[in-house]
Amino acid sequence: MERDAMKTILCYGDSLTWGFEPGTGNRMPFPQRWPGILQQLLGAKGRIIEEALNGRTTNWENPVF
């Protein structure tokens, strides 16, 4: 692999990653969500894959416990 090769980063998370906007319940536009900000900072050096579910930690049973 080349040293300067583009990296792929998976952002897997809950409503913070999804971009939940308190007050409206809407989803923030990608450039305002933290994965979008990370993408802007990385530019061509990285590719962000965003996989998020609003309410992931509050609406679902934890299969571990």
N, C-alpha and C. Protein backbone atom coordinates (compact mmCIF):
# COMPACT_ATOMS: atom_id res chain seq x y z
N MET A 1 0.84 -1.18 0.00
CA MET A 1 0.00 0.00 0.00
C MET A 1 0.89 1.24 0.00
N GLU A 2 0.51 2.18 -0.79
CA GLU A 2 1.25 3.44 -0.84
C GLU A 2 1.06 4.22 0.45
N ARG A 3 2.07 4.92 0.83
CA ARG A 3 2.01 5.72 2.05
C ARG A 3 0.95 6.81 1.95
N ASP A 4 0.77 7.39 0.77
CA ASP A 4 -0.19 8.48 0.59
C ASP A 4 -1.55 8.01 0.10
N ALA A 5 -1.81 6.71 0.16
CA ALA A 5 -3.08 6.18 -0.31
C ALA A 5 -4.23 6.70 0.55
N MET A 6 -5.38 6.89 -0.08
CA MET A 6 -6.55 7.37 0.64
C MET A 6 -6.98 6.34 1.67
N LYS A 7 -7.32 6.80 2.86
CA LYS A 7 -7.81 5.94 3.93
C LYS A 7 -9.33 5.99 3.94
N THR A 8 -9.95 4.88 4.33
CA THR A 8 -11.40 4.82 4.49
C THR A 8 -11.68 4.68 5.98
N ILE A 9 -12.56 5.54 6.48
CA ILE A 9 -12.90 5.54 7.91
C ILE A 9 -14.40 5.31 8.05
N LEU A 10 -14.76 4.31 8.84
CA LEU A 10 -16.16 4.03 9.13
C LEU A 10 -16.54 4.73 10.42
N CYS A 11 -17.55 5.58 10.35
CA CYS A 11 -18.10 6.25 11.54
C CYS A 11 -19.40 5.53 11.88
N TYR A 12 -19.35 4.69 12.90
CA TYR A 12 -20.48 3.87 13.30
C TYR A 12 -20.99 4.40 14.64
N GLY A 13 -22.24 4.80 14.69
CA GLY A 13 -22.68 5.37 15.95
C GLY A 13 -24.17 5.57 16.09
N ASP A 14 -24.49 6.39 17.08
CA ASP A 14 -25.88 6.65 17.46
C ASP A 14 -26.32 8.02 16.95
N SER A 15 -27.18 8.69 17.71
CA SER A 15 -27.75 9.96 17.27
C SER A 15 -26.70 11.06 17.11
N LEU A 16 -25.59 10.98 17.84
CA LEU A 16 -24.54 11.99 17.68
C LEU A 16 -23.89 11.86 16.31
N THR A 17 -23.67 10.65 15.87
CA THR A 17 -23.10 10.41 14.55
C THR A 17 -24.14 10.67 13.47
N TRP A 18 -25.38 10.29 13.74
CA TRP A 18 -26.49 10.48 12.80
C TRP A 18 -26.75 11.95 12.52
N GLY A 19 -26.52 12.80 13.53
CA GLY A 19 -26.71 14.23 13.36
C GLY A 19 -28.05 14.74 13.86
N PHE A 20 -28.56 14.13 14.93
CA PHE A 20 -29.83 14.56 15.50
C PHE A 20 -29.76 16.02 15.93
N GLU A 21 -30.76 16.78 15.52
CA GLU A 21 -30.82 18.20 15.87
C GLU A 21 -31.85 18.40 16.97
N PRO A 22 -31.40 18.65 18.21
CA PRO A 22 -32.35 18.85 19.31
C PRO A 22 -33.30 20.00 19.02
N GLY A 23 -34.50 19.86 19.48
CA GLY A 23 -35.49 20.92 19.27
C GLY A 23 -36.37 20.65 18.07
N THR A 24 -35.76 20.23 16.96
CA THR A 24 -36.56 19.97 15.76
C THR A 24 -36.71 18.47 15.51
N GLY A 25 -35.74 17.69 15.97
CA GLY A 25 -35.76 16.26 15.69
C GLY A 25 -35.29 15.92 14.29
N ASN A 26 -34.93 16.93 13.53
CA ASN A 26 -34.46 16.71 12.16
C ASN A 26 -33.01 16.26 12.16
N ARG A 27 -32.56 15.88 10.99
CA ARG A 27 -31.16 15.50 10.81
C ARG A 27 -30.40 16.68 10.22
N MET A 28 -29.25 16.98 10.82
CA MET A 28 -28.42 18.06 10.30
C MET A 28 -27.86 17.67 8.94
N PRO A 29 -27.57 18.65 8.09
CA PRO A 29 -26.93 18.35 6.80
C PRO A 29 -25.55 17.73 7.04
N PHE A 30 -25.10 16.90 6.12
CA PHE A 30 -23.82 16.20 6.27
C PHE A 30 -22.67 17.14 6.62
N PRO A 31 -22.52 18.29 5.99
CA PRO A 31 -21.38 19.16 6.34
C PRO A 31 -21.39 19.66 7.78
N GLN A 32 -22.54 19.59 8.46
CA GLN A 32 -22.63 20.06 9.85
C GLN A 32 -22.48 18.92 10.86
N ARG A 33 -22.61 17.67 10.41
CA ARG A 33 -22.44 16.53 11.32
C ARG A 33 -20.94 16.26 11.49
N TRP A 34 -20.55 15.67 12.62
CA TRP A 34 -19.12 15.49 12.86
C TRP A 34 -18.44 14.62 11.81
N PRO A 35 -19.09 13.59 11.24
CA PRO A 35 -18.41 12.87 10.16
C PRO A 35 -18.17 13.76 8.93
N GLY A 36 -19.08 14.68 8.68
CA GLY A 36 -18.90 15.61 7.56
C GLY A 36 -17.77 16.60 7.82
N ILE A 37 -17.65 17.04 9.06
CA ILE A 37 -16.54 17.94 9.42
C ILE A 37 -15.21 17.20 9.28
N LEU A 38 -15.19 15.94 9.73
CA LEU A 38 -13.99 15.13 9.57
C LEU A 38 -13.64 14.97 8.10
N GLN A 39 -14.65 14.73 7.25
CA GLN A 39 -14.41 14.60 5.82
C GLN A 39 -13.80 15.87 5.25
N GLN A 40 -14.32 17.01 5.67
CA GLN A 40 -13.78 18.29 5.19
C GLN A 40 -12.32 18.46 5.62
N LEU A 41 -12.00 18.06 6.85
CA LEU A 41 -10.63 18.19 7.34
C LEU A 41 -9.67 17.25 6.61
N LEU A 42 -10.15 16.05 6.29
CA LEU A 42 -9.30 15.07 5.61
C LEU A 42 -9.11 15.39 4.13
N GLY A 43 -10.14 15.97 3.53
CA GLY A 43 -10.07 16.25 2.10
C GLY A 43 -9.88 14.97 1.31
N ALA A 44 -8.96 15.00 0.36
CA ALA A 44 -8.71 13.84 -0.51
C ALA A 44 -7.89 12.75 0.17
N LYS A 45 -7.45 12.98 1.40
CA LYS A 45 -6.65 11.98 2.12
C LYS A 45 -7.51 10.88 2.73
N GLY A 46 -8.83 11.10 2.82
CA GLY A 46 -9.67 10.10 3.45
C GLY A 46 -11.09 10.12 2.93
N ARG A 47 -11.75 8.99 3.11
CA ARG A 47 -13.15 8.84 2.70
C ARG A 47 -13.93 8.39 3.93
N ILE A 48 -14.97 9.12 4.26
CA ILE A 48 -15.79 8.80 5.42
C ILE A 48 -17.02 8.00 4.98
N ILE A 49 -17.25 6.89 5.67
CA ILE A 49 -18.49 6.14 5.50
C ILE A 49 -19.25 6.31 6.80
N GLU A 50 -20.43 6.86 6.70
CA GLU A 50 -21.24 7.16 7.89
C GLU A 50 -22.34 6.11 8.02
N GLU A 51 -22.31 5.38 9.11
CA GLU A 51 -23.33 4.37 9.40
C GLU A 51 -23.85 4.64 10.80
N ALA A 52 -24.99 5.31 10.87
CA ALA A 52 -25.50 5.73 12.17
C ALA A 52 -27.01 5.50 12.25
N LEU A 53 -27.46 5.29 13.46
CA LEU A 53 -28.88 5.08 13.70
C LEU A 53 -29.30 5.96 14.87
N ASN A 54 -30.20 6.87 14.61
CA ASN A 54 -30.71 7.75 15.66
C ASN A 54 -31.40 6.91 16.73
N GLY A 55 -31.00 7.08 17.98
CA GLY A 55 -31.61 6.33 19.08
C GLY A 55 -31.01 4.96 19.31
N ARG A 56 -29.90 4.66 18.69
CA ARG A 56 -29.28 3.33 18.78
C ARG A 56 -29.05 2.91 20.24
N THR A 57 -28.69 3.84 21.10
CA THR A 57 -28.36 3.46 22.48
C THR A 57 -29.56 3.53 23.43
N THR A 58 -30.67 4.09 22.98
CA THR A 58 -31.80 4.25 23.90
C THR A 58 -33.02 3.43 23.52
N ASN A 59 -33.19 3.10 22.27
CA ASN A 59 -34.41 2.43 21.83
C ASN A 59 -34.30 0.92 21.72
N TRP A 60 -33.11 0.39 21.80
CA TRP A 60 -32.92 -1.03 21.55
C TRP A 60 -32.30 -1.71 22.77
N GLU A 61 -32.69 -2.94 22.99
CA GLU A 61 -32.09 -3.74 24.06
C GLU A 61 -30.62 -3.98 23.74
N ASN A 62 -29.79 -3.95 24.77
CA ASN A 62 -28.39 -4.26 24.60
C ASN A 62 -28.24 -5.77 24.61
N PRO A 63 -27.79 -6.38 23.51
CA PRO A 63 -27.72 -7.85 23.45
C PRO A 63 -26.67 -8.45 24.38
N VAL A 64 -25.77 -7.63 24.91
CA VAL A 64 -24.71 -8.14 25.77
C VAL A 64 -25.20 -8.33 27.21
N PHE A 65 -26.12 -7.49 27.65
CA PHE A 65 -26.56 -7.54 29.05
C PHE A 65 -27.88 -8.23 29.20
